Amino acid sequence: MPLQKLSPEAIDKRLATLAHWSVVDGKLHREFQFADFNAAFGFMTRAALVAEQMNHHPEWFNVYNKVRVDLTTHDAGGISHLDFELAAKMDGLGG
């Protein structure tokens, strides 16, 4: 079964369970801040391994101790349950 884009109501309901995440430009969005570059890069490395295991890859951007993450499911044309699963796992890694 193909991945389904979540309705705005379902997104709002799931957002209530994730601190620090919001919807920006149609994508699940969060900015992480770490002590330094090594901590930020370490988080990205751990998150990359999880994302690869899920076969669901983030759009992200790193400058020094900050990592900006945007999640969307291109195959679904928007935010799906996979984005929320990856967001929760990222929170567990460095939230």
C-alpha atoms as a PDB file:
ATOM      1  CA  MET A   1       0.000   0.000   0.000  1.00  0.00           C
ATOM      2  CA  PRO A   2       1.442   3.410  -0.931  1.00  0.00           C
ATOM      3  CA  LEU A   3       2.233   5.929   1.754  1.00  0.00           C
ATOM      4  CA  GLN A   4      -0.585   8.332   2.502  1.00  0.00           C
ATOM      5  CA  LYS A   5      -0.281  12.038   3.124  1.00  0.00           C
ATOM      6  CA  LEU A   6      -1.757  12.894   6.522  1.00  0.00           C
ATOM      7  CA  SER A   7      -4.715  15.258   6.776  1.00  0.00           C
ATOM      8  CA  PRO A   8      -4.188  18.645   8.436  1.00  0.00           C
ATOM      9  CA  GLU A   9      -6.210  17.381  11.430  1.00  0.00           C
ATOM     10  CA  ALA A  10      -4.046  14.268  11.784  1.00  0.00           C
ATOM     11  CA  ILE A  11      -0.897  16.396  11.548  1.00  0.00           C
ATOM     12  CA  ASP A  12      -2.160  18.752  14.283  1.00  0.00           C
ATOM     13  CA  LYS A  13      -3.011  15.809  16.522  1.00  0.00           C
ATOM     14  CA  ARG A  14       0.425  14.240  16.089  1.00  0.00           C
ATOM     15  CA  LEU A  15       2.211  17.576  16.500  1.00  0.00           C
ATOM     16  CA  ALA A  16       0.757  17.769  19.996  1.00  0.00           C
ATOM     17  CA  THR A  17       2.899  14.746  20.905  1.00  0.00           C
ATOM     18  CA  LEU A  18       6.189  16.273  19.675  1.00  0.00           C
ATOM     19  CA  ALA A  19       7.768  19.196  21.475  1.00  0.00           C
ATOM     20  CA  HIS A  20       9.758  21.676  19.362  1.00  0.00           C
ATOM     21  CA  TRP A  21       8.377  20.526  15.997  1.00  0.00           C
ATOM     22  CA  SER A  22       6.116  22.606  13.758  1.00  0.00           C
ATOM     23  CA  VAL A  23       4.945  22.669  10.170  1.00  0.00           C
ATOM     24  CA  VAL A  24       6.861  25.142   7.994  1.00  0.00           C
ATOM     25  CA  ASP A  25       6.264  25.342   4.249  1.00  0.00           C
ATOM     26  CA  GLY A  26       4.368  22.043   4.322  1.00  0.00           C
ATOM     27  CA  LYS A  27       7.155  20.126   6.055  1.00  0.00           C
ATOM     28  CA  LEU A  28       7.679  18.917   9.599  1.00  0.00           C
ATOM     29  CA  HIS A  29      10.364  21.253  10.928  1.00  0.00           C
ATOM     30  CA  ARG A  30      12.715  21.527  13.889  1.00  0.00           C
ATOM     31  CA  GLU A  31      15.991  23.240  14.669  1.00  0.00           C
ATOM     32  CA  PHE A  32      18.391  21.458  17.010  1.00  0.00           C
ATOM     33  CA  GLN A  33      21.213  23.231  18.843  1.00  0.00           C
ATOM     34  CA  PHE A  34      24.208  21.459  20.341  1.00  0.00           C
ATOM     35  CA  ALA A  35      27.265  22.387  22.389  1.00  0.00           C
ATOM     36  CA  ASP A  36      29.579  22.440  19.363  1.00  0.00           C
ATOM     37  CA  PHE A  37      30.164  21.103  15.858  1.00  0.00           C
ATOM     38  CA  ASN A  38      31.254  17.658  17.060  1.00  0.00           C
ATOM     39  CA  ALA A  39      27.994  17.171  18.964  1.00  0.00           C
ATOM     40  CA  ALA A  40      25.931  18.394  15.990  1.00  0.00           C
ATOM     41  CA  PHE A  41      27.782  16.159  13.556  1.00  0.00           C
ATOM     42  CA  GLY A  42      27.511  13.207  15.938  1.00  0.00           C
ATOM     43  CA  PHE A  43      23.744  13.710  16.063  1.00  0.00           C
ATOM     44  CA  MET A  44      23.595  13.840  12.264  1.00  0.00           C
ATOM     45  CA  THR A  45      25.603  10.638  12.015  1.00  0.00           C
ATOM     46  CA  ARG A  46      23.316   8.780  14.442  1.00  0.00           C
ATOM     47  CA  ALA A  47      20.227  10.185  12.729  1.00  0.00           C
ATOM     48  CA  ALA A  48      21.569   9.204   9.300  1.00  0.00           C
ATOM     49  CA  LEU A  49      21.905   5.586  10.419  1.00  0.00           C
ATOM     50  CA  VAL A  50      18.310   5.572  11.682  1.00  0.00           C
ATOM     51  CA  ALA A  51      17.028   7.275   8.523  1.00  0.00           C
ATOM     52  CA  GLU A  52      18.821   4.776   6.314  1.00  0.00           C
ATOM     53  CA  GLN A  53      17.361   1.898   8.306  1.00  0.00           C
ATOM     54  CA  MET A  54      13.887   3.401   7.797  1.00  0.00           C
ATOM     55  CA  ASN A  55      14.652   4.219   4.142  1.00  0.00           C
ATOM     56  CA  HIS A  56      13.320   7.683   4.923  1.00  0.00           C
ATOM     57  CA  HIS A  57      15.816  10.497   4.562  1.00  0.00           C
ATOM     58  CA  PRO A  58      15.629  14.025   6.000  1.00  0.00           C
ATOM     59  CA  GLU A  59      16.246  17.332   4.341  1.00  0.00           C
ATOM     60  CA  TRP A  60      18.702  19.005   6.680  1.00  0.00           C
ATOM     61  CA  PHE A  61      21.231  21.752   6.972  1.00  0.00           C
ATOM     62  CA  ASN A  62      24.111  22.152   9.419  1.00  0.00           C
ATOM     63  CA  VAL A  63      26.146  25.174  10.465  1.00  0.00           C
ATOM     64  CA  TYR A  64      28.539  24.731  13.372  1.00  0.00           C
ATOM     65  CA  ASN A  65      26.351  23.665  16.335  1.00  0.00           C
ATOM     66  CA  LYS A  66      22.940  23.953  14.655  1.00  0.00           C
ATOM     67  CA  VAL A  67      21.047  21.383  12.605  1.00  0.00           C
ATOM     68  CA  ARG A  68      17.864  22.393  10.793  1.00  0.00           C
ATOM     69  CA  VAL A  69      15.619  19.464   9.837  1.00  0.00           C
ATOM     70  CA  ASP A  70      12.677  19.363   7.439  1.00  0.00           C
ATOM     71  CA  LEU A  71      10.735  16.141   6.972  1.00  0.00           C
ATOM     72  CA  THR A  72       8.303  15.290   4.216  1.00  0.00           C
ATOM     73  CA  THR A  73       7.422  12.139   2.330  1.00  0.00           C
ATOM     74  CA  HIS A  74       7.893  12.915  -1.337  1.00  0.00           C
ATOM     75  CA  ASP A  75       6.128   9.706  -2.430  1.00  0.00           C
ATOM     76  CA  ALA A  76       3.032  10.780  -0.467  1.00  0.00           C
ATOM     77  CA  GLY A  77       3.159  14.406  -1.568  1.00  0.00           C
ATOM     78  CA  GLY A  78       3.401  15.741   1.977  1.00  0.00           C
ATOM     79  CA  ILE A  79       3.780  14.757   5.613  1.00  0.00           C
ATOM     80  CA  SER A  80       3.156  11.073   6.392  1.00  0.00           C
ATOM     81  CA  HIS A  81       3.403   8.873   9.471  1.00  0.00           C
ATOM     82  CA  LEU A  82       7.046   8.172   8.544  1.00  0.00           C
ATOM     83  CA  ASP A  83       7.942  11.807   9.130  1.00  0.00           C
ATOM     84  CA  PHE A  84       6.532  11.677  12.644  1.00  0.00           C
ATOM     85  CA  GLU A  85       8.308   8.388  13.340  1.00  0.00           C
ATOM     86  CA  LEU A  86      11.639   9.812  12.213  1.00  0.00           C
ATOM     87  CA  ALA A  87      11.031  13.052  14.158  1.00  0.00           C
ATOM     88  CA  ALA A  88      10.422  11.078  17.350  1.00  0.00           C
ATOM     89  CA  LYS A  89      13.575   9.038  16.789  1.00  0.00           C
ATOM     90  CA  MET A  90      15.591  12.196  16.150  1.00  0.00           C
ATOM     91  CA  ASP A  91      14.244  13.672  19.384  1.00  0.00           C
ATOM     92  CA  GLY A  92      15.480  10.559  21.178  1.00  0.00           C
ATOM     93  CA  LEU A  93      18.941  10.986  19.657  1.00  0.00           C
ATOM     94  CA  GLY A  94      19.504  14.628  20.374  1.00  0.00           C
ATOM     95  CA  GLY A  95      16.345  16.334  21.459  1.00  0.00           C
END
